[in-house]
């Protein structure tokens, strides 16, 4: 998850810098216009990332991972309980 987040942040920052440079290059835009358009761009990027996460089959699912580990622990405990019953 951390690697995915770091890579996404790196790519987004690169895209942000490109977009900001494009907006600043436009001499007709005031600093307020640039700030407003960047805020709008950030919102659009957030929505796009959220939508991309919904359909991503490679996205780690924390709940599924936790349940899988719980099942492994349950099986180990069942096996341990059976061994203790056998020894007693």
C-alpha atoms as a PDB file:
ATOM      1  CA  UNK A   1       0.000   0.000   0.000  1.00  0.00           C
ATOM      2  CA  UNK A   2       2.810   2.393   0.883  1.00  0.00           C
ATOM      3  CA  UNK A   3       4.563   1.737  -2.419  1.00  0.00           C
ATOM      4  CA  UNK A   4       1.353   2.385  -4.337  1.00  0.00           C
ATOM      5  CA  UNK A   5       0.764   5.607  -2.432  1.00  0.00           C
ATOM      6  CA  UNK A   6       4.339   6.826  -2.943  1.00  0.00           C
ATOM      7  CA  UNK A   7       4.260   6.089  -6.665  1.00  0.00           C
ATOM      8  CA  UNK A   8       0.868   7.751  -7.055  1.00  0.00           C
ATOM      9  CA  UNK A   9       2.077  10.821  -5.147  1.00  0.00           C
ATOM     10  CA  UNK A  10       5.217  11.039  -7.272  1.00  0.00           C
ATOM     11  CA  UNK A  11       3.290  10.818 -10.543  1.00  0.00           C
ATOM     12  CA  UNK A  12       0.672  13.274  -9.341  1.00  0.00           C
ATOM     13  CA  UNK A  13       3.313  15.789  -8.279  1.00  0.00           C
ATOM     14  CA  UNK A  14       4.945  15.564 -11.721  1.00  0.00           C
ATOM     15  CA  UNK A  15       1.583  16.130 -13.404  1.00  0.00           C
ATOM     16  CA  UNK A  16       0.819  18.973 -11.000  1.00  0.00           C
ATOM     17  CA  UNK A  17       4.096  20.702 -11.831  1.00  0.00           C
ATOM     18  CA  UNK A  18       3.417  20.361 -15.568  1.00  0.00           C
ATOM     19  CA  UNK A  19      -0.112  21.751 -15.204  1.00  0.00           C
ATOM     20  CA  UNK A  20       1.097  24.630 -13.031  1.00  0.00           C
ATOM     21  CA  UNK A  21       3.804  25.512 -15.560  1.00  0.00           C
ATOM     22  CA  UNK A  22       1.199  25.501 -18.349  1.00  0.00           C
ATOM     23  CA  UNK A  23      -1.084  27.813 -16.398  1.00  0.00           C
ATOM     24  CA  UNK A  24       1.721  30.192 -15.448  1.00  0.00           C
ATOM     25  CA  UNK A  25       2.870  30.333 -19.075  1.00  0.00           C
ATOM     26  CA  UNK A  26      -0.517  31.741 -20.062  1.00  0.00           C
ATOM     27  CA  UNK A  27       0.047  35.470 -19.647  1.00  0.00           C
ATOM     28  CA  UNK A  28      -3.667  36.239 -19.611  1.00  0.00           C
ATOM     29  CA  UNK A  29      -4.231  34.388 -16.338  1.00  0.00           C
ATOM     30  CA  UNK A  30      -3.935  36.177 -13.024  1.00  0.00           C
ATOM     31  CA  UNK A  31      -2.467  34.443  -9.956  1.00  0.00           C
ATOM     32  CA  UNK A  32      -6.020  34.034  -8.645  1.00  0.00           C
ATOM     33  CA  UNK A  33      -7.079  32.352 -11.898  1.00  0.00           C
ATOM     34  CA  UNK A  34      -4.114  30.005 -11.652  1.00  0.00           C
ATOM     35  CA  UNK A  35      -4.938  29.157  -8.034  1.00  0.00           C
ATOM     36  CA  UNK A  36      -8.605  28.519  -8.869  1.00  0.00           C
ATOM     37  CA  UNK A  37      -7.777  26.315 -11.839  1.00  0.00           C
ATOM     38  CA  UNK A  38      -5.218  24.353  -9.805  1.00  0.00           C
ATOM     39  CA  UNK A  39      -7.788  23.783  -7.052  1.00  0.00           C
ATOM     40  CA  UNK A  40     -10.262  22.541  -9.654  1.00  0.00           C
ATOM     41  CA  UNK A  41      -7.555  20.315 -11.188  1.00  0.00           C
ATOM     42  CA  UNK A  42      -6.750  18.839  -7.736  1.00  0.00           C
ATOM     43  CA  UNK A  43     -10.431  17.996  -7.176  1.00  0.00           C
ATOM     44  CA  UNK A  44     -10.649  16.338 -10.586  1.00  0.00           C
ATOM     45  CA  UNK A  45      -7.514  14.307  -9.871  1.00  0.00           C
ATOM     46  CA  UNK A  46      -8.901  13.185  -6.505  1.00  0.00           C
ATOM     47  CA  UNK A  47     -12.119  12.023  -8.172  1.00  0.00           C
ATOM     48  CA  UNK A  48     -10.201  10.248 -10.942  1.00  0.00           C
ATOM     49  CA  UNK A  49      -7.947   8.436  -8.458  1.00  0.00           C
ATOM     50  CA  UNK A  50     -10.924   7.369  -6.370  1.00  0.00           C
ATOM     51  CA  UNK A  51     -12.707   6.026  -9.453  1.00  0.00           C
ATOM     52  CA  UNK A  52      -9.568   4.195 -10.558  1.00  0.00           C
ATOM     53  CA  UNK A  53      -9.234   2.555  -7.138  1.00  0.00           C
ATOM     54  CA  UNK A  54     -12.785   1.198  -7.277  1.00  0.00           C
ATOM     55  CA  UNK A  55     -12.141  -0.936 -10.338  1.00  0.00           C
ATOM     56  CA  UNK A  56      -8.509  -1.864  -9.636  1.00  0.00           C
ATOM     57  CA  UNK A  57      -8.169  -5.631  -9.156  1.00  0.00           C
ATOM     58  CA  UNK A  58      -4.594  -5.191  -7.859  1.00  0.00           C
ATOM     59  CA  UNK A  59      -5.644  -2.904  -5.043  1.00  0.00           C
ATOM     60  CA  UNK A  60      -4.910  -4.563  -1.701  1.00  0.00           C
ATOM     61  CA  UNK A  61      -8.043  -5.216   0.338  1.00  0.00           C
ATOM     62  CA  UNK A  62      -7.230  -4.748   4.015  1.00  0.00           C
ATOM     63  CA  UNK A  63     -10.380  -6.476   5.275  1.00  0.00           C
ATOM     64  CA  UNK A  64      -9.738  -9.538   3.098  1.00  0.00           C
ATOM     65  CA  UNK A  65      -6.120  -9.683   4.240  1.00  0.00           C
ATOM     66  CA  UNK A  66      -7.142  -9.491   7.908  1.00  0.00           C
ATOM     67  CA  UNK A  67      -9.773 -12.196   7.473  1.00  0.00           C
ATOM     68  CA  UNK A  68      -7.260 -14.454   5.736  1.00  0.00           C
ATOM     69  CA  UNK A  69      -4.816 -14.085   8.648  1.00  0.00           C
ATOM     70  CA  UNK A  70      -7.606 -14.727  11.163  1.00  0.00           C
ATOM     71  CA  UNK A  71      -8.493 -17.943   9.347  1.00  0.00           C
ATOM     72  CA  UNK A  72      -4.860 -19.091   9.491  1.00  0.00           C
ATOM     73  CA  UNK A  73      -4.796 -18.368  13.233  1.00  0.00           C
ATOM     74  CA  UNK A  74      -8.104 -20.214  13.773  1.00  0.00           C
ATOM     75  CA  UNK A  75      -6.767 -23.281  11.972  1.00  0.00           C
ATOM     76  CA  UNK A  76      -3.551 -23.188  14.027  1.00  0.00           C
ATOM     77  CA  UNK A  77      -5.524 -22.865  17.248  1.00  0.00           C
ATOM     78  CA  UNK A  78      -7.812 -25.747  16.281  1.00  0.00           C
ATOM     79  CA  UNK A  79      -4.789 -27.918  15.551  1.00  0.00           C
ATOM     80  CA  UNK A  80      -3.170 -26.894  18.861  1.00  0.00           C
ATOM     81  CA  UNK A  81      -6.373 -27.602  20.803  1.00  0.00           C
ATOM     82  CA  UNK A  82      -6.618 -31.033  19.184  1.00  0.00           C
ATOM     83  CA  UNK A  83      -2.992 -31.781  20.133  1.00  0.00           C
ATOM     84  CA  UNK A  84      -3.583 -30.679  23.747  1.00  0.00           C
ATOM     85  CA  UNK A  85      -6.731 -32.843  23.968  1.00  0.00           C
ATOM     86  CA  UNK A  86      -4.767 -35.792  22.647  1.00  0.00           C
ATOM     87  CA  UNK A  87      -1.965 -35.250  25.177  1.00  0.00           C
ATOM     88  CA  UNK A  88      -4.370 -34.986  28.096  1.00  0.00           C
END
